[in-house]
Amino acid sequence: MESVSVTEVIGFIAAVLTTGGFVPQVVKAIKTKSTKDISLGMYLTITLGVTLWLLYGILLRAAPVIVANGVTLILVSMMLVLKLKYK
């Protein structure tokens, strides 16, 4: 069994923190059914960027990058759906 490197541990910690930052916004939008203060352009840009980061991680076979951006893509996609639903 391979041991996890310090670099991978740092990557996973960074992934949890940066990805987790989107959770409160998604939860708030679901609870309040309001996204009026959310920028559609910003979330479209973030979604494209995260998709490219995910592809980059897949090409490098970098687990922290893949996991973080896979989960983040789900969260930012949820926000885009909520933004369109709760105009």
Protein backbone atom coordinates (compact mmCIF):
# COMPACT_ATOMS: atom_id res chain seq x y z
CA MET A 1 0.00 0.00 0.00
CA GLU A 2 1.33 3.43 -0.94
CA SER A 3 1.74 6.06 1.72
CA VAL A 4 0.21 9.48 1.25
CA SER A 5 2.77 12.23 0.74
CA VAL A 6 2.82 15.50 2.64
CA THR A 7 2.10 17.22 -0.67
CA GLU A 8 -1.08 15.18 -1.15
CA VAL A 9 -2.19 15.89 2.43
CA ILE A 10 -1.73 19.62 1.83
CA GLY A 11 -3.64 19.27 -1.44
CA PHE A 12 -6.56 17.49 0.21
CA ILE A 13 -6.71 20.04 3.06
CA ALA A 14 -6.71 22.88 0.52
CA ALA A 15 -9.40 21.05 -1.46
CA VAL A 16 -11.66 20.67 1.57
CA LEU A 17 -11.30 24.33 2.53
CA THR A 18 -11.76 25.87 -0.92
CA THR A 19 -14.54 23.52 -1.97
CA GLY A 20 -16.26 23.79 1.39
CA GLY A 21 -16.43 27.55 0.93
CA PHE A 22 -19.22 27.08 -1.62
CA VAL A 23 -21.44 25.03 0.71
CA PRO A 24 -22.80 27.93 2.83
CA GLN A 25 -23.84 29.82 -0.32
CA VAL A 26 -25.69 26.82 -1.75
CA VAL A 27 -27.41 26.13 1.59
CA LYS A 28 -28.43 29.78 1.96
CA ALA A 29 -29.84 29.92 -1.58
CA ILE A 30 -31.86 26.76 -0.99
CA LYS A 31 -33.21 27.98 2.37
CA THR A 32 -34.06 31.53 1.28
CA LYS A 33 -35.00 30.67 -2.31
CA SER A 34 -33.16 33.84 -3.28
CA THR A 35 -30.14 34.36 -5.49
CA LYS A 36 -30.69 38.02 -6.38
CA ASP A 37 -27.30 39.05 -5.00
CA ILE A 38 -25.45 36.24 -6.80
CA SER A 39 -23.63 37.17 -10.01
CA LEU A 40 -24.58 34.88 -12.89
CA GLY A 41 -21.46 35.93 -14.80
CA MET A 42 -19.24 35.05 -11.86
CA TYR A 43 -20.75 31.59 -11.48
CA LEU A 44 -20.53 30.94 -15.23
CA THR A 45 -16.84 31.90 -15.12
CA ILE A 46 -16.18 29.81 -11.99
CA THR A 47 -17.96 26.83 -13.57
CA LEU A 48 -15.78 27.02 -16.68
CA GLY A 49 -12.63 27.42 -14.60
CA VAL A 50 -13.49 24.53 -12.30
CA THR A 51 -14.29 22.33 -15.30
CA LEU A 52 -10.85 23.09 -16.75
CA TRP A 53 -9.17 22.43 -13.37
CA LEU A 54 -10.98 19.09 -13.21
CA LEU A 55 -9.75 18.19 -16.69
CA TYR A 56 -6.23 19.28 -15.69
CA GLY A 57 -6.37 17.09 -12.59
CA ILE A 58 -7.60 14.12 -14.61
CA LEU A 59 -4.78 14.55 -17.13
CA LEU A 60 -2.23 14.72 -14.30
CA ARG A 61 -3.94 11.97 -12.31
CA ALA A 62 -3.79 14.30 -9.30
CA ALA A 63 -6.36 13.01 -6.80
CA PRO A 64 -6.66 16.21 -4.70
CA VAL A 65 -7.29 18.30 -7.82
CA ILE A 66 -9.80 15.79 -9.21
CA VAL A 67 -11.76 15.40 -5.97
CA ALA A 68 -11.82 19.11 -5.13
CA ASN A 69 -12.89 20.24 -8.55
CA GLY A 70 -15.36 17.40 -9.04
CA VAL A 71 -17.18 18.37 -5.85
CA THR A 72 -16.83 22.09 -6.57
CA LEU A 73 -18.29 21.56 -10.05
CA ILE A 74 -21.35 19.97 -8.47
CA LEU A 75 -21.74 22.88 -6.02
CA VAL A 76 -21.29 25.67 -8.57
CA SER A 77 -23.60 23.87 -10.97
CA MET A 78 -26.22 23.75 -8.22
CA MET A 79 -25.83 27.50 -7.76
CA LEU A 80 -26.30 28.09 -11.48
CA VAL A 81 -29.49 26.03 -11.43
CA LEU A 82 -30.71 27.87 -8.33
CA LYS A 83 -29.84 31.23 -9.90
CA LEU A 84 -31.90 30.41 -12.97
CA LYS A 85 -34.74 28.93 -10.92
CA TYR A 86 -35.02 31.75 -8.34
CA LYS A 87 -34.45 34.75 -10.62
